[in-house]
């Protein structure tokens, strides 16, 4: 999505890093650039507002469940691999070491 207007920070960069902005996982200078972009770009501001609302809804509805620390570690490890561009092995994140199973299991007798 792009508004087709020139901006100091390109729409594609803003949208590619939107979740980092929402989670405040980026340097303050980048946050400031994004805030300036939202002031002048209504399509990106709309997308930001939508993603912010979804994030709040998920937190309200699902934010009370404790996640096992080993599962959190495995998921974060996968995220780090993906962000670094490394190959991610196929398998169930919840499976223990050496017991990885396919993410999508077929029904018995189905090929």
C-alpha atoms as a PDB file:
ATOM      1  CA  UNK A   1       0.000   0.000   0.000  1.00  0.00           C
ATOM      2  CA  UNK A   2       1.234   3.460  -0.803  1.00  0.00           C
ATOM      3  CA  UNK A   3      -0.437   6.816  -1.075  1.00  0.00           C
ATOM      4  CA  UNK A   4       1.689   7.593  -4.160  1.00  0.00           C
ATOM      5  CA  UNK A   5       2.924  10.785  -2.483  1.00  0.00           C
ATOM      6  CA  UNK A   6       6.628  11.438  -1.811  1.00  0.00           C
ATOM      7  CA  UNK A   7       7.585  11.297   1.869  1.00  0.00           C
ATOM      8  CA  UNK A   8      10.847  11.548   3.749  1.00  0.00           C
ATOM      9  CA  UNK A   9      10.193   7.986   4.956  1.00  0.00           C
ATOM     10  CA  UNK A  10       8.719   5.732   2.274  1.00  0.00           C
ATOM     11  CA  UNK A  11       5.350   4.086   2.941  1.00  0.00           C
ATOM     12  CA  UNK A  12       6.799   0.623   2.288  1.00  0.00           C
ATOM     13  CA  UNK A  13       9.442   1.135   4.996  1.00  0.00           C
ATOM     14  CA  UNK A  14       6.789   2.258   7.471  1.00  0.00           C
ATOM     15  CA  UNK A  15       4.545  -0.711   6.734  1.00  0.00           C
ATOM     16  CA  UNK A  16       7.448  -3.194   6.774  1.00  0.00           C
ATOM     17  CA  UNK A  17       8.368  -2.075  10.297  1.00  0.00           C
ATOM     18  CA  UNK A  18       4.905  -1.251  11.624  1.00  0.00           C
ATOM     19  CA  UNK A  19       4.923  -3.934  14.344  1.00  0.00           C
ATOM     20  CA  UNK A  20       8.335  -2.836  15.547  1.00  0.00           C
ATOM     21  CA  UNK A  21       6.893   0.669  15.874  1.00  0.00           C
ATOM     22  CA  UNK A  22       3.755  -0.575  17.643  1.00  0.00           C
ATOM     23  CA  UNK A  23       5.867  -2.571  20.102  1.00  0.00           C
ATOM     24  CA  UNK A  24       8.388   0.256  20.534  1.00  0.00           C
ATOM     25  CA  UNK A  25      11.173  -2.094  19.484  1.00  0.00           C
ATOM     26  CA  UNK A  26      12.992   0.442  17.341  1.00  0.00           C
ATOM     27  CA  UNK A  27      15.305   3.370  18.081  1.00  0.00           C
ATOM     28  CA  UNK A  28      13.594   6.563  19.220  1.00  0.00           C
ATOM     29  CA  UNK A  29      14.785   8.407  16.107  1.00  0.00           C
ATOM     30  CA  UNK A  30      13.007   5.904  13.879  1.00  0.00           C
ATOM     31  CA  UNK A  31       9.856   6.200  16.002  1.00  0.00           C
ATOM     32  CA  UNK A  32       9.953   9.957  15.455  1.00  0.00           C
ATOM     33  CA  UNK A  33      10.295   9.451  11.666  1.00  0.00           C
ATOM     34  CA  UNK A  34       7.298   7.136  11.677  1.00  0.00           C
ATOM     35  CA  UNK A  35       5.196   9.541  13.746  1.00  0.00           C
ATOM     36  CA  UNK A  36       5.997  12.314  11.256  1.00  0.00           C
ATOM     37  CA  UNK A  37       5.038  10.011   8.405  1.00  0.00           C
ATOM     38  CA  UNK A  38       1.662   9.219  10.002  1.00  0.00           C
ATOM     39  CA  UNK A  39       0.953  12.959  10.322  1.00  0.00           C
ATOM     40  CA  UNK A  40       1.213  13.397   6.546  1.00  0.00           C
ATOM     41  CA  UNK A  41       0.042  10.007   5.213  1.00  0.00           C
ATOM     42  CA  UNK A  42      -3.549   9.049   5.937  1.00  0.00           C
ATOM     43  CA  UNK A  43      -3.397   5.522   4.366  1.00  0.00           C
ATOM     44  CA  UNK A  44      -0.486   4.572   6.626  1.00  0.00           C
ATOM     45  CA  UNK A  45      -2.162   6.227   9.616  1.00  0.00           C
ATOM     46  CA  UNK A  46      -5.290   4.184   8.909  1.00  0.00           C
ATOM     47  CA  UNK A  47      -3.257   0.944   8.716  1.00  0.00           C
ATOM     48  CA  UNK A  48      -1.465   1.891  11.950  1.00  0.00           C
ATOM     49  CA  UNK A  49      -4.792   2.535  13.688  1.00  0.00           C
ATOM     50  CA  UNK A  50      -6.189  -0.787  12.515  1.00  0.00           C
ATOM     51  CA  UNK A  51      -3.145  -2.768  13.655  1.00  0.00           C
ATOM     52  CA  UNK A  52      -3.100  -0.903  16.980  1.00  0.00           C
ATOM     53  CA  UNK A  53      -6.777  -1.789  17.540  1.00  0.00           C
ATOM     54  CA  UNK A  54      -6.171  -5.464  16.707  1.00  0.00           C
ATOM     55  CA  UNK A  55      -3.213  -5.558  19.072  1.00  0.00           C
ATOM     56  CA  UNK A  56      -5.309  -4.086  21.900  1.00  0.00           C
ATOM     57  CA  UNK A  57      -8.121  -6.545  21.219  1.00  0.00           C
ATOM     58  CA  UNK A  58      -5.766  -9.519  21.290  1.00  0.00           C
ATOM     59  CA  UNK A  59      -4.186  -8.285  24.511  1.00  0.00           C
ATOM     60  CA  UNK A  60      -7.587  -7.818  26.122  1.00  0.00           C
ATOM     61  CA  UNK A  61      -8.894 -11.218  25.024  1.00  0.00           C
ATOM     62  CA  UNK A  62      -5.745 -13.318  25.254  1.00  0.00           C
ATOM     63  CA  UNK A  63      -3.395 -11.396  27.495  1.00  0.00           C
ATOM     64  CA  UNK A  64      -4.204 -13.336  30.643  1.00  0.00           C
ATOM     65  CA  UNK A  65      -2.781 -16.703  29.636  1.00  0.00           C
ATOM     66  CA  UNK A  66       0.718 -17.528  30.823  1.00  0.00           C
ATOM     67  CA  UNK A  67       2.962 -18.895  28.105  1.00  0.00           C
ATOM     68  CA  UNK A  68       5.388 -21.642  29.149  1.00  0.00           C
ATOM     69  CA  UNK A  69       8.909 -20.224  29.108  1.00  0.00           C
ATOM     70  CA  UNK A  70      10.269 -23.042  26.918  1.00  0.00           C
ATOM     71  CA  UNK A  71       7.586 -22.386  24.279  1.00  0.00           C
ATOM     72  CA  UNK A  72       8.317 -18.661  24.384  1.00  0.00           C
ATOM     73  CA  UNK A  73      12.039 -19.368  23.918  1.00  0.00           C
ATOM     74  CA  UNK A  74      11.384 -21.630  20.927  1.00  0.00           C
ATOM     75  CA  UNK A  75       9.064 -19.121  19.271  1.00  0.00           C
ATOM     76  CA  UNK A  76      11.487 -16.248  19.851  1.00  0.00           C
ATOM     77  CA  UNK A  77      14.303 -18.392  18.446  1.00  0.00           C
ATOM     78  CA  UNK A  78      12.287 -18.983  15.285  1.00  0.00           C
ATOM     79  CA  UNK A  79      11.527 -15.277  14.976  1.00  0.00           C
ATOM     80  CA  UNK A  80      15.246 -14.488  15.313  1.00  0.00           C
ATOM     81  CA  UNK A  81      16.066 -17.037  12.583  1.00  0.00           C
ATOM     82  CA  UNK A  82      13.465 -15.557  10.255  1.00  0.00           C
ATOM     83  CA  UNK A  83      14.636 -11.998  10.885  1.00  0.00           C
ATOM     84  CA  UNK A  84      18.257 -12.982  10.198  1.00  0.00           C
ATOM     85  CA  UNK A  85      17.263 -14.653   6.926  1.00  0.00           C
ATOM     86  CA  UNK A  86      18.377 -18.129   8.010  1.00  0.00           C
ATOM     87  CA  UNK A  87      16.482 -21.245   6.999  1.00  0.00           C
ATOM     88  CA  UNK A  88      13.868 -22.280   9.502  1.00  0.00           C
ATOM     89  CA  UNK A  89      13.380 -26.033   9.912  1.00  0.00           C
ATOM     90  CA  UNK A  90       9.887 -27.353   9.327  1.00  0.00           C
ATOM     91  CA  UNK A  91       8.335 -28.668  12.479  1.00  0.00           C
ATOM     92  CA  UNK A  92       6.077 -28.007  15.381  1.00  0.00           C
ATOM     93  CA  UNK A  93       7.401 -25.242  17.627  1.00  0.00           C
ATOM     94  CA  UNK A  94       5.771 -26.923  20.616  1.00  0.00           C
ATOM     95  CA  UNK A  95       7.575 -30.238  20.120  1.00  0.00           C
ATOM     96  CA  UNK A  96      10.529 -31.007  22.333  1.00  0.00           C
ATOM     97  CA  UNK A  97      14.100 -31.449  21.028  1.00  0.00           C
ATOM     98  CA  UNK A  98      14.347 -34.374  18.645  1.00  0.00           C
ATOM     99  CA  UNK A  99      10.563 -34.805  18.517  1.00  0.00           C
ATOM    100  CA  UNK A 100       9.651 -32.299  15.854  1.00  0.00           C
ATOM    101  CA  UNK A 101       6.471 -33.115  13.978  1.00  0.00           C
ATOM    102  CA  UNK A 102       5.033 -31.497  10.868  1.00  0.00           C
ATOM    103  CA  UNK A 103       3.004 -28.368  11.452  1.00  0.00           C
ATOM    104  CA  UNK A 104       0.197 -29.703   9.250  1.00  0.00           C
ATOM    105  CA  UNK A 105      -0.608 -33.319   9.955  1.00  0.00           C
ATOM    106  CA  UNK A 106      -2.596 -35.298   7.404  1.00  0.00           C
ATOM    107  CA  UNK A 107      -5.584 -37.384   8.438  1.00  0.00           C
ATOM    108  CA  UNK A 108      -4.963 -41.154   8.492  1.00  0.00           C
ATOM    109  CA  UNK A 109      -5.295 -42.664   5.040  1.00  0.00           C
ATOM    110  CA  UNK A 110      -5.084 -39.259   3.274  1.00  0.00           C
ATOM    111  CA  UNK A 111      -2.195 -38.706   0.886  1.00  0.00           C
END
